[in-house]
């Protein structure tokens, strides 16, 4: 038996991530398009810290698919600035 690699789980993870993103879109709509790229690192870090505090203080497990979804949103904003007029003129870090 070969040693498992993280890359072996990408397809499974992406299927689950897609479902999480669909659920998030149902709840939040396209509000992710309205936020600027500027400051997204701080907003993402704040969201992660909030999830961590919920875990430490209330025992809520961290939803890693939501963490990955936040990272994907940041990536899309940086790779595809043409998708939103809110991103025009944002400096690429």
PDB file of N, CA and C in Angstrom:
ATOM      1  N   UNK A   1       0.847  -1.184   0.000  1.00  0.00           N
ATOM      2  CA  UNK A   1       0.000   0.000   0.000  1.00  0.00           C
ATOM      3  C   UNK A   1       0.889   1.242   0.000  1.00  0.00           C
ATOM      4  N   UNK A   2       0.573   2.165  -0.898  1.00  0.00           N
ATOM      5  CA  UNK A   2       1.379   3.377  -0.980  1.00  0.00           C
ATOM      6  C   UNK A   2       0.942   4.399   0.076  1.00  0.00           C
ATOM      7  N   UNK A   3       1.847   5.293   0.371  1.00  0.00           N
ATOM      8  CA  UNK A   3       1.567   6.352   1.333  1.00  0.00           C
ATOM      9  C   UNK A   3       0.591   7.344   0.709  1.00  0.00           C
ATOM     10  N   UNK A   4      -0.486   7.665   1.410  1.00  0.00           N
ATOM     11  CA  UNK A   4      -1.429   8.640   0.840  1.00  0.00           C
ATOM     12  C   UNK A   4      -0.779  10.019   0.715  1.00  0.00           C
ATOM     13  N   UNK A   5      -1.197  10.733  -0.304  1.00  0.00           N
ATOM     14  CA  UNK A   5      -0.740  12.103  -0.520  1.00  0.00           C
ATOM     15  C   UNK A   5      -1.941  13.034  -0.374  1.00  0.00           C
ATOM     16  N   UNK A   6      -1.698  14.214   0.082  1.00  0.00           N
ATOM     17  CA  UNK A   6      -2.782  15.195   0.205  1.00  0.00           C
ATOM     18  C   UNK A   6      -3.456  15.395  -1.148  1.00  0.00           C
ATOM     19  N   UNK A   7      -2.667  15.401  -2.207  1.00  0.00           N
ATOM     20  CA  UNK A   7      -3.218  15.612  -3.551  1.00  0.00           C
ATOM     21  C   UNK A   7      -4.234  14.537  -3.928  1.00  0.00           C
ATOM     22  N   UNK A   8      -4.152  13.371  -3.285  1.00  0.00           N
ATOM     23  CA  UNK A   8      -5.108  12.298  -3.563  1.00  0.00           C
ATOM     24  C   UNK A   8      -6.534  12.665  -3.158  1.00  0.00           C
ATOM     25  N   UNK A   9      -6.678  13.678  -2.332  1.00  0.00           N
ATOM     26  CA  UNK A   9      -7.987  14.043  -1.791  1.00  0.00           C
ATOM     27  C   UNK A   9      -8.568  15.308  -2.420  1.00  0.00           C
ATOM     28  N   UNK A  10      -7.871  15.855  -3.396  1.00  0.00           N
ATOM     29  CA  UNK A  10      -8.319  17.108  -4.015  1.00  0.00           C
ATOM     30  C   UNK A  10      -9.693  16.957  -4.659  1.00  0.00           C
ATOM     31  N   UNK A  11      -9.914  15.904  -5.405  1.00  0.00           N
ATOM     32  CA  UNK A  11     -11.205  15.734  -6.083  1.00  0.00           C
ATOM     33  C   UNK A  11     -12.354  15.644  -5.079  1.00  0.00           C
ATOM     34  N   UNK A  12     -12.172  14.838  -4.035  1.00  0.00           N
ATOM     35  CA  UNK A  12     -13.205  14.702  -3.006  1.00  0.00           C
ATOM     36  C   UNK A  12     -13.457  16.034  -2.310  1.00  0.00           C
ATOM     37  N   UNK A  13     -12.363  16.724  -1.980  1.00  0.00           N
ATOM     38  CA  UNK A  13     -12.470  18.008  -1.303  1.00  0.00           C
ATOM     39  C   UNK A  13     -13.203  19.022  -2.188  1.00  0.00           C
ATOM     40  N   UNK A  14     -12.860  19.042  -3.465  1.00  0.00           N
ATOM     41  CA  UNK A  14     -13.492  20.010  -4.372  1.00  0.00           C
ATOM     42  C   UNK A  14     -14.982  19.758  -4.528  1.00  0.00           C
ATOM     43  N   UNK A  15     -15.391  18.496  -4.525  1.00  0.00           N
ATOM     44  CA  UNK A  15     -16.825  18.195  -4.574  1.00  0.00           C
ATOM     45  C   UNK A  15     -17.538  18.749  -3.342  1.00  0.00           C
ATOM     46  N   UNK A  16     -16.936  18.532  -2.170  1.00  0.00           N
ATOM     47  CA  UNK A  16     -17.530  19.053  -0.940  1.00  0.00           C
ATOM     48  C   UNK A  16     -17.478  20.579  -0.901  1.00  0.00           C
ATOM     49  N   UNK A  17     -16.370  21.149  -1.386  1.00  0.00           N
ATOM     50  CA  UNK A  17     -16.241  22.608  -1.415  1.00  0.00           C
ATOM     51  C   UNK A  17     -17.297  23.223  -2.323  1.00  0.00           C
ATOM     52  N   UNK A  18     -17.533  22.602  -3.465  1.00  0.00           N
ATOM     53  CA  UNK A  18     -18.568  23.106  -4.379  1.00  0.00           C
ATOM     54  C   UNK A  18     -19.925  23.158  -3.677  1.00  0.00           C
ATOM     55  N   UNK A  19     -20.270  22.121  -2.928  1.00  0.00           N
ATOM     56  CA  UNK A  19     -21.541  22.107  -2.203  1.00  0.00           C
ATOM     57  C   UNK A  19     -21.585  23.203  -1.140  1.00  0.00           C
ATOM     58  N   UNK A  20     -20.464  23.414  -0.453  1.00  0.00           N
ATOM     59  CA  UNK A  20     -20.400  24.483   0.548  1.00  0.00           C
ATOM     60  C   UNK A  20     -20.594  25.840  -0.114  1.00  0.00           C
ATOM     61  N   UNK A  21     -19.956  26.052  -1.253  1.00  0.00           N
ATOM     62  CA  UNK A  21     -20.072  27.335  -1.955  1.00  0.00           C
ATOM     63  C   UNK A  21     -21.495  27.568  -2.457  1.00  0.00           C
ATOM     64  N   UNK A  22     -22.164  26.525  -2.897  1.00  0.00           N
ATOM     65  CA  UNK A  22     -23.556  26.652  -3.337  1.00  0.00           C
ATOM     66  C   UNK A  22     -24.439  27.048  -2.154  1.00  0.00           C
ATOM     67  N   UNK A  23     -24.217  26.406  -1.003  1.00  0.00           N
ATOM     68  CA  UNK A  23     -24.979  26.760   0.202  1.00  0.00           C
ATOM     69  C   UNK A  23     -24.682  28.192   0.629  1.00  0.00           C
ATOM     70  N   UNK A  24     -23.416  28.591   0.551  1.00  0.00           N
ATOM     71  CA  UNK A  24     -23.044  29.958   0.913  1.00  0.00           C
ATOM     72  C   UNK A  24     -23.672  30.973  -0.039  1.00  0.00           C
ATOM     73  N   UNK A  25     -23.704  30.651  -1.328  1.00  0.00           N
ATOM     74  CA  UNK A  25     -24.301  31.555  -2.304  1.00  0.00           C
ATOM     75  C   UNK A  25     -25.797  31.714  -2.050  1.00  0.00           C
ATOM     76  N   UNK A  26     -26.455  30.632  -1.682  1.00  0.00           N
ATOM     77  CA  UNK A  26     -27.878  30.707  -1.354  1.00  0.00           C
ATOM     78  C   UNK A  26     -28.088  31.659  -0.181  1.00  0.00           C
ATOM     79  N   UNK A  27     -27.188  31.603   0.798  1.00  0.00           N
ATOM     80  CA  UNK A  27     -27.319  32.435   1.999  1.00  0.00           C
ATOM     81  C   UNK A  27     -26.870  33.879   1.759  1.00  0.00           C
ATOM     82  N   UNK A  28     -25.755  34.050   1.089  1.00  0.00           N
ATOM     83  CA  UNK A  28     -25.129  35.379   0.978  1.00  0.00           C
ATOM     84  C   UNK A  28     -25.269  36.034  -0.394  1.00  0.00           C
ATOM     85  N   UNK A  29     -25.700  35.283  -1.394  1.00  0.00           N
ATOM     86  CA  UNK A  29     -25.798  35.850  -2.737  1.00  0.00           C
ATOM     87  C   UNK A  29     -24.418  36.159  -3.306  1.00  0.00           C
ATOM     88  N   UNK A  30     -24.342  37.238  -4.061  1.00  0.00           N
ATOM     89  CA  UNK A  30     -23.064  37.594  -4.681  1.00  0.00           C
ATOM     90  C   UNK A  30     -22.374  38.748  -3.948  1.00  0.00           C
ATOM     91  N   UNK A  31     -22.593  38.837  -2.649  1.00  0.00           N
ATOM     92  CA  UNK A  31     -21.991  39.929  -1.881  1.00  0.00           C
ATOM     93  C   UNK A  31     -20.466  39.892  -1.918  1.00  0.00           C
ATOM     94  N   UNK A  32     -19.889  38.724  -2.194  1.00  0.00           N
ATOM     95  CA  UNK A  32     -18.428  38.637  -2.283  1.00  0.00           C
ATOM     96  C   UNK A  32     -17.886  39.505  -3.421  1.00  0.00           C
ATOM     97  N   UNK A  33     -18.720  39.769  -4.421  1.00  0.00           N
ATOM     98  CA  UNK A  33     -18.307  40.629  -5.532  1.00  0.00           C
ATOM     99  C   UNK A  33     -18.274  42.110  -5.144  1.00  0.00           C
ATOM    100  N   UNK A  34     -18.958  42.455  -4.060  1.00  0.00           N
ATOM    101  CA  UNK A  34     -19.066  43.851  -3.654  1.00  0.00           C
ATOM    102  C   UNK A  34     -17.902  44.325  -2.800  1.00  0.00           C
ATOM    103  N   UNK A  35     -17.137  43.398  -2.260  1.00  0.00           N
ATOM    104  CA  UNK A  35     -16.008  43.761  -1.410  1.00  0.00           C
ATOM    105  C   UNK A  35     -14.775  44.032  -2.250  1.00  0.00           C
ATOM    106  N   UNK A  36     -14.008  45.005  -1.833  1.00  0.00           N
ATOM    107  CA  UNK A  36     -12.756  45.328  -2.496  1.00  0.00           C
ATOM    108  C   UNK A  36     -11.714  44.251  -2.224  1.00  0.00           C
ATOM    109  N   UNK A  37     -10.757  44.145  -3.146  1.00  0.00           N
ATOM    110  CA  UNK A  37      -9.606  43.287  -2.867  1.00  0.00           C
ATOM    111  C   UNK A  37      -8.764  43.897  -1.756  1.00  0.00           C
ATOM    112  N   UNK A  38      -8.767  45.216  -1.696  1.00  0.00           N
ATOM    113  CA  UNK A  38      -7.968  45.885  -0.674  1.00  0.00           C
ATOM    114  C   UNK A  38      -8.477  45.509   0.706  1.00  0.00           C
ATOM    115  N   UNK A  39      -7.598  45.038   1.556  1.00  0.00           N
ATOM    116  CA  UNK A  39      -7.968  44.669   2.911  1.00  0.00           C
ATOM    117  C   UNK A  39      -8.491  43.254   3.056  1.00  0.00           C
ATOM    118  N   UNK A  40      -8.526  42.485   1.961  1.00  0.00           N
ATOM    119  CA  UNK A  40      -9.097  41.152   2.074  1.00  0.00           C
ATOM    120  C   UNK A  40      -8.262  40.232   2.966  1.00  0.00           C
ATOM    121  N   UNK A  41      -6.968  40.482   3.062  1.00  0.00           N
ATOM    122  CA  UNK A  41      -6.138  39.671   3.951  1.00  0.00           C
ATOM    123  C   UNK A  41      -6.569  39.866   5.401  1.00  0.00           C
ATOM    124  N   UNK A  42      -6.792  41.130   5.782  1.00  0.00           N
ATOM    125  CA  UNK A  42      -7.234  41.409   7.151  1.00  0.00           C
ATOM    126  C   UNK A  42      -8.623  40.832   7.411  1.00  0.00           C
ATOM    127  N   UNK A  43      -9.532  40.989   6.448  1.00  0.00           N
ATOM    128  CA  UNK A  43     -10.880  40.442   6.627  1.00  0.00           C
ATOM    129  C   UNK A  43     -10.854  38.914   6.741  1.00  0.00           C
ATOM    130  N   UNK A  44     -10.019  38.285   5.932  1.00  0.00           N
ATOM    131  CA  UNK A  44      -9.930  36.826   5.959  1.00  0.00           C
ATOM    132  C   UNK A  44      -9.312  36.363   7.275  1.00  0.00           C
ATOM    133  N   UNK A  45      -8.279  37.045   7.721  1.00  0.00           N
ATOM    134  CA  UNK A  45      -7.651  36.700   9.000  1.00  0.00           C
ATOM    135  C   UNK A  45      -8.647  36.886  10.153  1.00  0.00           C
ATOM    136  N   UNK A  46      -9.408  37.964  10.126  1.00  0.00           N
ATOM    137  CA  UNK A  46     -10.409  38.204  11.159  1.00  0.00           C
ATOM    138  C   UNK A  46     -11.446  37.073  11.175  1.00  0.00           C
ATOM    139  N   UNK A  47     -11.886  36.653   9.994  1.00  0.00           N
ATOM    140  CA  UNK A  47     -12.850  35.559   9.908  1.00  0.00           C
ATOM    141  C   UNK A  47     -12.279  34.262  10.468  1.00  0.00           C
ATOM    142  N   UNK A  48     -11.013  34.011  10.181  1.00  0.00           N
ATOM    143  CA  UNK A  48     -10.378  32.802  10.697  1.00  0.00           C
ATOM    144  C   UNK A  48     -10.249  32.874  12.214  1.00  0.00           C
ATOM    145  N   UNK A  49      -9.880  34.018  12.729  1.00  0.00           N
ATOM    146  CA  UNK A  49      -9.756  34.173  14.180  1.00  0.00           C
ATOM    147  C   UNK A  49     -11.120  34.032  14.846  1.00  0.00           C
ATOM    148  N   UNK A  50     -12.169  34.546  14.217  1.00  0.00           N
ATOM    149  CA  UNK A  50     -13.516  34.390  14.752  1.00  0.00           C
ATOM    150  C   UNK A  50     -13.894  32.907  14.821  1.00  0.00           C
ATOM    151  N   UNK A  51     -13.575  32.165  13.768  1.00  0.00           N
ATOM    152  CA  UNK A  51     -13.854  30.727  13.781  1.00  0.00           C
ATOM    153  C   UNK A  51     -13.062  30.031  14.892  1.00  0.00           C
ATOM    154  N   UNK A  52     -11.812  30.443  15.065  1.00  0.00           N
ATOM    155  CA  UNK A  52     -10.975  29.855  16.106  1.00  0.00           C
ATOM    156  C   UNK A  52     -11.547  30.137  17.497  1.00  0.00           C
ATOM    157  N   UNK A  53     -11.968  31.369  17.730  1.00  0.00           N
ATOM    158  CA  UNK A  53     -12.543  31.724  19.036  1.00  0.00           C
ATOM    159  C   UNK A  53     -13.845  30.962  19.289  1.00  0.00           C
ATOM    160  N   UNK A  54     -14.650  30.773  18.254  1.00  0.00           N
ATOM    161  CA  UNK A  54     -15.863  29.972  18.399  1.00  0.00           C
ATOM    162  C   UNK A  54     -15.514  28.526  18.767  1.00  0.00           C
ATOM    163  N   UNK A  55     -14.419  28.039  18.212  1.00  0.00           N
ATOM    164  CA  UNK A  55     -13.953  26.695  18.537  1.00  0.00           C
ATOM    165  C   UNK A  55     -13.451  26.624  19.985  1.00  0.00           C
ATOM    166  N   UNK A  56     -12.597  27.557  20.356  1.00  0.00           N
ATOM    167  CA  UNK A  56     -12.006  27.538  21.701  1.00  0.00           C
ATOM    168  C   UNK A  56     -13.029  27.827  22.791  1.00  0.00           C
ATOM    169  N   UNK A  57     -13.913  28.775  22.557  1.00  0.00           N
ATOM    170  CA  UNK A  57     -14.826  29.230  23.607  1.00  0.00           C
ATOM    171  C   UNK A  57     -16.158  28.486  23.643  1.00  0.00           C
ATOM    172  N   UNK A  58     -16.598  27.978  22.505  1.00  0.00           N
ATOM    173  CA  UNK A  58     -17.921  27.354  22.466  1.00  0.00           C
ATOM    174  C   UNK A  58     -17.893  25.926  21.926  1.00  0.00           C
ATOM    175  N   UNK A  59     -16.700  25.470  21.534  1.00  0.00           N
ATOM    176  CA  UNK A  59     -16.593  24.103  21.051  1.00  0.00           C
ATOM    177  C   UNK A  59     -17.121  23.860  19.654  1.00  0.00           C
ATOM    178  N   UNK A  60     -17.396  24.952  18.898  1.00  0.00           N
ATOM    179  CA  UNK A  60     -17.872  24.791  17.524  1.00  0.00           C
ATOM    180  C   UNK A  60     -16.699  24.372  16.641  1.00  0.00           C
ATOM    181  N   UNK A  61     -16.828  23.270  15.936  1.00  0.00           N
ATOM    182  CA  UNK A  61     -15.726  22.862  15.068  1.00  0.00           C
ATOM    183  C   UNK A  61     -15.507  23.874  13.936  1.00  0.00           C
ATOM    184  N   UNK A  62     -14.273  24.028  13.540  1.00  0.00           N
ATOM    185  CA  UNK A  62     -13.950  24.921  12.423  1.00  0.00           C
ATOM    186  C   UNK A  62     -14.399  24.244  11.133  1.00  0.00           C
ATOM    187  N   UNK A  63     -15.145  24.968  10.328  1.00  0.00           N
ATOM    188  CA  UNK A  63     -15.593  24.450   9.034  1.00  0.00           C
ATOM    189  C   UNK A  63     -14.495  24.758   8.013  1.00  0.00           C
ATOM    190  N   UNK A  64     -13.683  23.757   7.734  1.00  0.00           N
ATOM    191  CA  UNK A  64     -12.540  23.947   6.839  1.00  0.00           C
ATOM    192  C   UNK A  64     -12.971  24.255   5.417  1.00  0.00           C
ATOM    193  N   UNK A  65     -14.161  23.840   5.046  1.00  0.00           N
ATOM    194  CA  UNK A  65     -14.652  24.182   3.709  1.00  0.00           C
ATOM    195  C   UNK A  65     -14.944  25.678   3.615  1.00  0.00           C
ATOM    196  N   UNK A  66     -15.440  26.283   4.693  1.00  0.00           N
ATOM    197  CA  UNK A  66     -15.648  27.734   4.693  1.00  0.00           C
ATOM    198  C   UNK A  66     -14.316  28.469   4.647  1.00  0.00           C
ATOM    199  N   UNK A  67     -13.320  27.951   5.346  1.00  0.00           N
ATOM    200  CA  UNK A  67     -11.980  28.555   5.303  1.00  0.00           C
ATOM    201  C   UNK A  67     -11.447  28.502   3.873  1.00  0.00           C
ATOM    202  N   UNK A  68     -11.582  27.344   3.240  1.00  0.00           N
ATOM    203  CA  UNK A  68     -11.126  27.198   1.855  1.00  0.00           C
ATOM    204  C   UNK A  68     -11.934  28.090   0.918  1.00  0.00           C
ATOM    205  N   UNK A  69     -13.223  28.236   1.180  1.00  0.00           N
ATOM    206  CA  UNK A  69     -14.059  29.123   0.368  1.00  0.00           C
ATOM    207  C   UNK A  69     -13.606  30.571   0.465  1.00  0.00           C
ATOM    208  N   UNK A  70     -13.247  30.995   1.677  1.00  0.00           N
ATOM    209  CA  UNK A  70     -12.719  32.357   1.852  1.00  0.00           C
ATOM    210  C   UNK A  70     -11.428  32.534   1.049  1.00  0.00           C
ATOM    211  N   UNK A  71     -10.548  31.526   1.108  1.00  0.00           N
ATOM    212  CA  UNK A  71      -9.292  31.590   0.358  1.00  0.00           C
ATOM    213  C   UNK A  71      -9.564  31.631  -1.149  1.00  0.00           C
ATOM    214  N   UNK A  72     -10.530  30.851  -1.597  1.00  0.00           N
ATOM    215  CA  UNK A  72     -10.864  30.843  -3.021  1.00  0.00           C
ATOM    216  C   UNK A  72     -11.392  32.202  -3.467  1.00  0.00           C
ATOM    217  N   UNK A  73     -12.234  32.817  -2.652  1.00  0.00           N
ATOM    218  CA  UNK A  73     -12.750  34.148  -2.990  1.00  0.00           C
ATOM    219  C   UNK A  73     -11.599  35.133  -3.139  1.00  0.00           C
ATOM    220  N   UNK A  74     -10.650  35.115  -2.214  1.00  0.00           N
ATOM    221  CA  UNK A  74      -9.488  36.010  -2.305  1.00  0.00           C
ATOM    222  C   UNK A  74      -8.711  35.749  -3.590  1.00  0.00           C
ATOM    223  N   UNK A  75      -8.522  34.478  -3.906  1.00  0.00           N
ATOM    224  CA  UNK A  75      -7.782  34.105  -5.108  1.00  0.00           C
ATOM    225  C   UNK A  75      -8.499  34.593  -6.364  1.00  0.00           C
ATOM    226  N   UNK A  76      -9.818  34.388  -6.419  1.00  0.00           N
ATOM    227  CA  UNK A  76     -10.586  34.825  -7.591  1.00  0.00           C
ATOM    228  C   UNK A  76     -10.501  36.338  -7.740  1.00  0.00           C
ATOM    229  N   UNK A  77     -10.609  37.070  -6.643  1.00  0.00           N
ATOM    230  CA  UNK A  77     -10.513  38.532  -6.718  1.00  0.00           C
ATOM    231  C   UNK A  77      -9.179  38.960  -7.317  1.00  0.00           C
ATOM    232  N   UNK A  78      -8.110  38.273  -6.957  1.00  0.00           N
ATOM    233  CA  UNK A  78      -6.791  38.641  -7.451  1.00  0.00           C
ATOM    234  C   UNK A  78      -6.555  38.172  -8.884  1.00  0.00           C
ATOM    235  N   UNK A  79      -7.070  37.006  -9.237  1.00  0.00           N
ATOM    236  CA  UNK A  79      -6.829  36.448 -10.565  1.00  0.00           C
ATOM    237  C   UNK A  79      -7.787  36.962 -11.632  1.00  0.00           C
ATOM    238  N   UNK A  80      -8.959  37.441 -11.211  1.00  0.00           N
ATOM    239  CA  UNK A  80      -9.986  37.857 -12.167  1.00  0.00           C
ATOM    240  C   UNK A  80     -10.605  39.208 -11.764  1.00  0.00           C
ATOM    241  N   UNK A  81      -9.793  40.256 -11.732  1.00  0.00           N
ATOM    242  CA  UNK A  81     -10.314  41.567 -11.309  1.00  0.00           C
ATOM    243  C   UNK A  81     -11.391  42.119 -12.235  1.00  0.00           C
ATOM    244  N   UNK A  82     -11.501  41.568 -13.438  1.00  0.00           N
ATOM    245  CA  UNK A  82     -12.511  42.043 -14.388  1.00  0.00           C
ATOM    246  C   UNK A  82     -13.932  41.655 -13.976  1.00  0.00           C
ATOM    247  N   UNK A  83     -14.082  40.789 -12.996  1.00  0.00           N
ATOM    248  CA  UNK A  83     -15.407  40.312 -12.603  1.00  0.00           C
ATOM    249  C   UNK A  83     -16.243  41.348 -11.856  1.00  0.00           C
ATOM    250  N   UNK A  84     -15.587  42.327 -11.264  1.00  0.00           N
ATOM    251  CA  UNK A  84     -16.348  43.287 -10.463  1.00  0.00           C
ATOM    252  C   UNK A  84     -15.786  44.693 -10.611  1.00  0.00           C
ATOM    253  N   UNK A  85     -16.663  45.672 -10.832  1.00  0.00           N
ATOM    254  CA  UNK A  85     -16.191  47.052 -10.892  1.00  0.00           C
ATOM    255  C   UNK A  85     -15.614  47.513  -9.545  1.00  0.00           C
ATOM    256  N   UNK A  86     -15.957  46.810  -8.469  1.00  0.00           N
ATOM    257  CA  UNK A  86     -15.425  47.157  -7.150  1.00  0.00           C
ATOM    258  C   UNK A  86     -13.937  46.837  -7.044  1.00  0.00           C
ATOM    259  N   UNK A  87     -13.433  46.029  -7.967  1.00  0.00           N
ATOM    260  CA  UNK A  87     -12.029  45.640  -7.901  1.00  0.00           C
ATOM    261  C   UNK A  87     -11.162  46.453  -8.854  1.00  0.00           C
ATOM    262  N   UNK A  88     -11.787  47.208  -9.739  1.00  0.00           N
ATOM    263  CA  UNK A  88     -11.005  48.025 -10.680  1.00  0.00           C
ATOM    264  C   UNK A  88     -10.222  49.056  -9.905  1.00  0.00           C
ATOM    265  N   UNK A  89      -8.976  49.148 -10.226  1.00  0.00           N
ATOM    266  CA  UNK A  89      -8.123  50.124  -9.562  1.00  0.00           C
ATOM    267  C   UNK A  89      -7.532  49.624  -8.262  1.00  0.00           C
ATOM    268  N   UNK A  90      -7.984  48.472  -7.773  1.00  0.00           N
ATOM    269  CA  UNK A  90      -7.347  47.898  -6.581  1.00  0.00           C
ATOM    270  C   UNK A  90      -5.930  47.498  -6.957  1.00  0.00           C
ATOM    271  N   UNK A  91      -4.993  47.883  -6.150  1.00  0.00           N
ATOM    272  CA  UNK A  91      -3.617  47.511  -6.405  1.00  0.00           C
ATOM    273  C   UNK A  91      -3.432  46.030  -6.121  1.00  0.00           C
ATOM    274  N   UNK A  92      -2.736  45.351  -7.014  1.00  0.00           N
ATOM    275  CA  UNK A  92      -2.417  43.947  -6.769  1.00  0.00           C
ATOM    276  C   UNK A  92      -1.267  43.904  -5.788  1.00  0.00           C
ATOM    277  N   UNK A  93      -1.444  43.151  -4.701  1.00  0.00           N
ATOM    278  CA  UNK A  93      -0.364  43.096  -3.696  1.00  0.00           C
ATOM    279  C   UNK A  93       0.893  42.509  -4.249  1.00  0.00           C
TER     280      UNK A  93
END
